[in-house]
N, C-alpha and C. Protein backbone atom coordinates (compact mmCIF):
# COMPACT_ATOMS: atom_id res chain seq x y z
N MET A 1 -49.09 -11.69 -27.84
CA MET A 1 -49.01 -11.33 -26.40
C MET A 1 -46.92 -11.89 -26.83
N THR A 2 -46.12 -10.30 -26.88
CA THR A 2 -45.18 -10.28 -26.87
C THR A 2 -44.65 -11.10 -25.36
N GLU A 3 -43.02 -11.84 -26.11
CA GLU A 3 -42.15 -12.32 -24.57
C GLU A 3 -41.37 -11.04 -24.29
N PRO A 4 -41.37 -11.28 -22.72
CA PRO A 4 -40.05 -10.69 -22.68
C PRO A 4 -38.70 -11.62 -23.14
N ILE A 5 -37.29 -10.33 -23.21
CA ILE A 5 -36.43 -10.53 -23.52
C ILE A 5 -35.39 -10.98 -21.85
N PRO A 6 -34.85 -12.31 -22.97
CA PRO A 6 -34.07 -13.22 -21.51
C PRO A 6 -33.03 -12.40 -21.40
N PRO A 7 -32.82 -12.75 -19.78
CA PRO A 7 -31.63 -11.90 -19.64
C PRO A 7 -30.34 -12.11 -19.39
N ILE A 8 -29.44 -11.59 -20.17
CA ILE A 8 -28.45 -11.72 -20.84
C ILE A 8 -26.75 -11.66 -19.22
N THR A 9 -26.19 -12.73 -18.86
CA THR A 9 -26.36 -12.96 -17.89
C THR A 9 -23.96 -13.22 -18.92
N LEU A 10 -23.29 -12.40 -18.07
CA LEU A 10 -21.88 -12.44 -19.25
C LEU A 10 -21.04 -13.80 -18.02
N PRO A 11 -20.44 -13.85 -18.88
CA PRO A 11 -19.21 -14.38 -18.06
C PRO A 11 -18.93 -15.10 -16.95
N PRO A 12 -18.68 -15.23 -16.14
CA PRO A 12 -18.00 -14.86 -14.81
C PRO A 12 -16.39 -14.16 -14.93
N SER A 13 -16.10 -13.49 -14.61
CA SER A 13 -14.61 -12.10 -14.66
C SER A 13 -13.60 -12.88 -14.37
N GLN A 14 -13.11 -13.57 -15.29
CA GLN A 14 -11.78 -13.92 -14.94
C GLN A 14 -10.22 -12.90 -14.23
N ASN A 15 -10.28 -11.88 -14.76
CA ASN A 15 -10.04 -11.16 -14.98
C ASN A 15 -11.01 -9.51 -15.20
N PRO A 16 -11.61 -9.17 -13.49
CA PRO A 16 -11.86 -7.84 -14.22
C PRO A 16 -11.02 -6.40 -14.36
N GLU A 17 -9.92 -6.14 -13.83
CA GLU A 17 -8.68 -5.18 -14.30
C GLU A 17 -8.73 -4.82 -15.93
N LEU A 18 -8.66 -6.42 -16.10
CA LEU A 18 -8.57 -6.75 -17.92
C LEU A 18 -9.54 -5.80 -18.20
N GLU A 19 -10.54 -6.57 -18.25
CA GLU A 19 -11.66 -6.25 -18.42
C GLU A 19 -12.62 -4.92 -18.25
N GLY A 20 -12.08 -4.11 -16.82
CA GLY A 20 -11.83 -2.56 -17.32
C GLY A 20 -11.07 -1.30 -17.86
N GLU A 21 -10.20 -2.10 -17.93
CA GLU A 21 -9.24 -1.65 -18.91
C GLU A 21 -9.75 -1.51 -20.40
N TRP A 22 -10.03 -2.87 -20.47
CA TRP A 22 -10.81 -3.00 -22.44
C TRP A 22 -11.80 -2.11 -22.49
N LEU A 23 -12.93 -2.20 -21.45
CA LEU A 23 -14.30 -0.90 -21.72
C LEU A 23 -13.74 0.12 -21.66
N LYS A 24 -12.78 1.41 -20.48
CA LYS A 24 -12.25 2.49 -20.65
C LYS A 24 -11.90 3.12 -21.85
N GLN A 25 -11.09 2.10 -22.39
CA GLN A 25 -10.44 2.97 -24.31
C GLN A 25 -11.50 2.46 -25.16
N SER A 26 -12.41 1.32 -24.80
CA SER A 26 -13.75 1.19 -25.28
C SER A 26 -14.85 1.80 -26.01
N LEU A 27 -14.70 2.48 -23.87
CA LEU A 27 -16.57 3.78 -24.55
C LEU A 27 -15.40 5.04 -24.40
N HIS A 28 -14.15 5.16 -24.62
CA HIS A 28 -13.44 6.38 -25.18
C HIS A 28 -13.55 6.43 -26.26
N ARG A 29 -13.45 5.93 -26.92
CA ARG A 29 -12.95 5.68 -29.00
C ARG A 29 -14.92 5.82 -28.30
N TRP A 30 -15.20 5.45 -28.00
CA TRP A 30 -16.76 5.60 -28.49
C TRP A 30 -17.28 6.65 -28.38
N LEU A 31 -16.92 6.80 -27.25
CA LEU A 31 -17.46 9.08 -26.24
C LEU A 31 -16.78 9.76 -27.86
N ASP A 32 -15.68 9.29 -27.67
CA ASP A 32 -14.86 10.51 -29.41
C ASP A 32 -15.55 10.77 -30.36
N ALA A 33 -16.17 9.11 -31.14
CA ALA A 33 -16.33 9.02 -32.34
C ALA A 33 -17.93 9.00 -32.50
N GLU A 34 -19.36 9.25 -31.54
CA GLU A 34 -19.61 9.10 -31.53
C GLU A 34 -20.53 11.00 -31.66
N PHE A 35 -19.98 11.95 -30.57
CA PHE A 35 -20.04 13.88 -31.43
C PHE A 35 -18.54 13.82 -31.77
N LEU A 36 -17.93 15.43 -30.61
CA LEU A 36 -16.63 15.70 -30.46
C LEU A 36 -15.79 14.62 -29.63
N PRO A 37 -14.25 14.41 -30.17
CA PRO A 37 -13.49 14.39 -28.85
C PRO A 37 -13.63 15.67 -27.47
N GLU A 38 -13.89 15.44 -26.92
CA GLU A 38 -13.28 16.09 -25.56
C GLU A 38 -12.46 14.95 -24.42
N ALA A 39 -11.95 16.70 -23.59
CA ALA A 39 -10.96 16.26 -23.15
C ALA A 39 -12.06 15.58 -21.35
N VAL A 40 -13.66 16.13 -21.07
CA VAL A 40 -14.35 15.12 -20.68
C VAL A 40 -14.83 13.51 -20.77
N ASN A 41 -14.10 12.75 -21.62
CA ASN A 41 -14.58 11.60 -22.25
C ASN A 41 -13.83 11.21 -21.59
N GLN A 42 -12.44 11.54 -21.59
CA GLN A 42 -11.65 10.66 -20.78
C GLN A 42 -11.69 9.83 -19.51
N ASN A 43 -12.13 11.39 -18.32
CA ASN A 43 -12.86 11.00 -16.66
C ASN A 43 -14.30 9.94 -17.14
N ILE A 44 -14.98 10.34 -18.22
CA ILE A 44 -16.55 9.57 -17.87
C ILE A 44 -15.90 7.90 -18.03
N ALA A 45 -14.96 7.22 -19.62
CA ALA A 45 -15.05 6.66 -19.53
C ALA A 45 -14.03 5.58 -18.07
N GLU A 46 -12.84 6.48 -17.26
CA GLU A 46 -12.92 6.21 -16.39
C GLU A 46 -13.84 5.86 -15.47
N ARG A 47 -14.64 6.52 -14.86
CA ARG A 47 -15.25 6.67 -13.80
C ARG A 47 -16.38 5.56 -14.54
N ALA A 48 -16.48 5.14 -15.79
CA ALA A 48 -17.85 3.82 -15.85
C ALA A 48 -17.37 2.81 -16.07
N ALA A 49 -15.68 2.73 -16.21
CA ALA A 49 -15.11 0.95 -16.01
C ALA A 49 -15.05 0.92 -14.22
N GLN A 50 -14.57 1.71 -14.41
CA GLN A 50 -14.87 1.65 -12.49
C GLN A 50 -15.56 1.26 -11.69
N ILE A 51 -17.24 1.97 -11.85
CA ILE A 51 -18.23 1.43 -11.19
C ILE A 51 -18.42 -0.33 -12.33
N PHE A 52 -17.97 -0.61 -13.40
CA PHE A 52 -17.93 -1.99 -14.26
C PHE A 52 -16.94 -2.78 -13.15
N VAL A 53 -15.96 -2.41 -12.65
CA VAL A 53 -15.29 -3.22 -12.52
C VAL A 53 -15.38 -3.59 -11.04
N ARG A 54 -15.53 -3.29 -10.05
CA ARG A 54 -16.06 -2.77 -9.11
C ARG A 54 -17.33 -4.29 -9.08
N GLN A 55 -18.26 -3.23 -10.02
CA GLN A 55 -19.77 -4.65 -10.06
C GLN A 55 -18.68 -5.82 -10.44
N ARG A 56 -18.15 -6.78 -11.32
CA ARG A 56 -17.38 -7.42 -11.64
C ARG A 56 -17.35 -8.00 -10.52
N MET A 57 -16.03 -7.61 -10.34
CA MET A 57 -15.74 -7.62 -8.60
C MET A 57 -16.57 -8.67 -7.47
N GLU A 58 -17.39 -7.96 -7.33
CA GLU A 58 -18.67 -8.13 -6.20
C GLU A 58 -19.19 -9.64 -6.87
N GLY A 59 -18.87 -9.81 -8.33
CA GLY A 59 -19.55 -11.13 -8.87
C GLY A 59 -20.93 -10.60 -9.48
N GLU A 60 -21.05 -9.75 -10.12
CA GLU A 60 -22.16 -9.15 -11.03
C GLU A 60 -21.83 -9.84 -11.46
N ASN A 61 -22.68 -10.70 -12.54
CA ASN A 61 -22.74 -10.65 -13.89
C ASN A 61 -23.84 -10.63 -14.69
N ASP A 62 -25.24 -10.38 -14.03
CA ASP A 62 -26.20 -9.76 -14.88
C ASP A 62 -25.78 -8.41 -15.91
N LEU A 63 -25.53 -8.26 -17.21
CA LEU A 63 -26.30 -7.14 -17.64
C LEU A 63 -26.77 -6.56 -17.38
N GLY A 64 -28.42 -6.49 -17.32
CA GLY A 64 -29.06 -5.21 -16.19
C GLY A 64 -28.92 -4.36 -15.40
N SER A 65 -28.08 -5.83 -14.87
CA SER A 65 -27.94 -4.85 -13.22
C SER A 65 -26.04 -3.86 -13.11
N LEU A 66 -25.68 -4.73 -13.97
CA LEU A 66 -24.25 -3.10 -14.74
C LEU A 66 -25.11 -2.33 -15.36
N VAL A 67 -25.85 -2.34 -15.89
CA VAL A 67 -26.71 -1.23 -16.34
C VAL A 67 -26.67 -0.07 -15.77
N ILE A 68 -27.95 -0.88 -14.66
CA ILE A 68 -28.91 0.45 -13.82
C ILE A 68 -27.32 0.21 -12.41
N ALA A 69 -26.12 -0.08 -12.38
CA ALA A 69 -25.35 0.29 -11.36
C ALA A 69 -24.55 1.18 -12.13
N ILE A 70 -24.25 1.52 -13.24
CA ILE A 70 -23.50 2.33 -13.96
C ILE A 70 -25.00 4.17 -13.73
N VAL A 71 -25.95 3.38 -14.46
CA VAL A 71 -26.49 4.83 -14.35
C VAL A 71 -27.02 5.08 -13.33
N THR A 72 -26.87 4.56 -12.02
CA THR A 72 -27.68 5.41 -10.59
C THR A 72 -25.69 5.27 -10.08
N GLU A 73 -25.03 5.56 -10.58
CA GLU A 73 -23.86 6.19 -9.73
C GLU A 73 -23.30 7.14 -10.57
N MET A 74 -23.54 6.91 -12.34
CA MET A 74 -22.69 7.33 -13.10
C MET A 74 -23.93 9.07 -12.51
N GLN A 75 -24.85 9.10 -11.75
CA GLN A 75 -25.72 9.96 -11.80
C GLN A 75 -24.63 11.47 -11.27
N ALA A 76 -23.46 11.19 -10.28
CA ALA A 76 -23.02 12.48 -8.86
C ALA A 76 -21.74 12.51 -10.04
N PHE A 77 -21.94 11.56 -11.44
CA PHE A 77 -20.93 12.88 -12.29
C PHE A 77 -21.55 13.84 -12.88
N ASP A 78 -20.44 15.28 -12.71
CA ASP A 78 -20.67 16.29 -13.39
C ASP A 78 -20.77 16.22 -15.08
N PHE A 79 -21.28 15.82 -15.81
CA PHE A 79 -22.01 16.12 -16.99
C PHE A 79 -21.91 17.49 -18.21
N SER A 80 -21.48 18.61 -17.23
CA SER A 80 -21.85 20.06 -17.58
C SER A 80 -20.98 20.58 -18.79
N LYS A 81 -20.23 19.68 -19.19
CA LYS A 81 -18.34 19.55 -20.22
C LYS A 81 -19.41 17.93 -20.91
N SER A 82 -20.22 18.11 -20.70
CA SER A 82 -20.30 16.96 -22.25
C SER A 82 -21.77 16.69 -22.60
N PHE A 83 -21.72 16.59 -24.16
CA PHE A 83 -23.04 16.33 -24.52
C PHE A 83 -23.43 14.94 -23.99
N TYR A 84 -22.98 13.87 -23.07
CA TYR A 84 -23.82 12.52 -22.52
C TYR A 84 -24.08 12.83 -21.33
N GLY A 85 -24.90 11.77 -20.63
CA GLY A 85 -25.62 11.87 -19.45
C GLY A 85 -25.12 9.87 -19.10
N GLU A 86 -26.32 10.69 -17.99
CA GLU A 86 -25.53 8.98 -17.84
C GLU A 86 -26.51 7.60 -18.13
N PHE A 87 -27.34 7.61 -19.08
CA PHE A 87 -28.00 6.61 -19.63
C PHE A 87 -27.38 6.10 -21.18
N ALA A 88 -27.17 7.69 -21.27
CA ALA A 88 -26.05 7.00 -22.35
C ALA A 88 -25.01 6.59 -22.27
N ILE A 89 -24.30 7.11 -21.44
CA ILE A 89 -22.90 5.99 -20.74
C ILE A 89 -23.56 3.94 -20.82
N ALA A 90 -24.76 4.31 -19.98
CA ALA A 90 -24.76 2.63 -19.56
C ALA A 90 -25.17 2.15 -20.79
N ASN A 91 -25.86 2.87 -21.56
CA ASN A 91 -26.63 2.18 -22.96
C ASN A 91 -25.17 2.10 -24.10
N ALA A 92 -24.52 3.10 -24.23
CA ALA A 92 -23.16 2.47 -24.55
C ALA A 92 -22.03 1.67 -24.51
N VAL A 93 -22.20 1.14 -22.56
CA VAL A 93 -21.19 0.60 -22.24
C VAL A 93 -22.18 -0.90 -22.91
N SER A 94 -23.55 -1.01 -22.50
CA SER A 94 -24.15 -2.69 -22.62
C SER A 94 -24.03 -2.65 -24.35
N ASP A 95 -23.97 -1.87 -25.26
CA ASP A 95 -24.27 -1.54 -26.03
C ASP A 95 -22.68 -3.32 -27.08
N LEU A 96 -21.34 -2.32 -26.17
CA LEU A 96 -19.93 -2.30 -25.81
C LEU A 96 -19.95 -4.23 -25.25
N LEU A 97 -20.95 -4.27 -24.45
CA LEU A 97 -20.58 -5.65 -24.69
C LEU A 97 -21.36 -6.80 -24.95
N LEU A 98 -21.85 -6.06 -25.18
CA LEU A 98 -23.00 -7.55 -26.40
C LEU A 98 -22.30 -7.29 -27.45
N GLU A 99 -21.40 -6.83 -28.12
CA GLU A 99 -20.91 -5.90 -29.51
C GLU A 99 -19.68 -7.94 -28.95
N SER A 100 -19.58 -7.72 -27.87
CA SER A 100 -17.72 -8.20 -27.59
C SER A 100 -18.13 -9.46 -27.64
N LEU A 101 -20.28 -10.05 -26.73
CA LEU A 101 -19.68 -11.11 -26.80
C LEU A 101 -20.77 -11.48 -28.20
N GLY A 102 -20.96 -10.70 -29.37
CA GLY A 102 -21.39 -11.22 -30.69
C GLY A 102 -22.48 -11.10 -30.47
N ILE A 103 -22.72 -10.27 -29.71
CA ILE A 103 -24.73 -10.98 -29.05
C ILE A 103 -25.00 -9.79 -30.24
N ASP A 104 -26.14 -9.32 -31.31
CA ASP A 104 -26.83 -8.27 -32.05
C ASP A 104 -27.58 -7.26 -31.18
N LYS A 105 -26.91 -6.26 -31.35
CA LYS A 105 -27.85 -5.17 -30.00
C LYS A 105 -28.75 -4.48 -30.40
N CYS A 106 -29.45 -4.94 -31.79
CA CYS A 106 -31.00 -4.54 -32.30
C CYS A 106 -31.86 -6.14 -31.74
N CYS A 107 -32.44 -5.75 -31.30
CA CYS A 107 -33.73 -6.14 -30.89
C CYS A 107 -33.85 -7.05 -30.53
N GLY A 108 -32.76 -6.98 -29.70
CA GLY A 108 -32.68 -8.95 -28.54
C GLY A 108 -32.54 -9.54 -29.65
N GLN A 109 -31.68 -9.46 -30.54
CA GLN A 109 -31.08 -10.55 -30.89
C GLN A 109 -29.87 -11.83 -31.04
């Protein structure tokens, strides 16, 4: 029987605004590199970072909960001018955070 992947907990935030700025820049670079650079990518990165910062300021440290919050709140974003959707954005945020923590994003290792 397979074992569930244990939850990933981020360290408590010392400076949520700085984390948000890092996430916004990192996500924007990722969005532009993944497909085509689009003007809407800046707005997507900014909105995802706002959600992330608010969640961190409220004390959320669980990566899974952060991803669910981003998926849920990004559903209200207008993705009609983008190749992306809320799930792609939340997954990209998760991957960027895992990389920043030095955690291999493949297979939960």
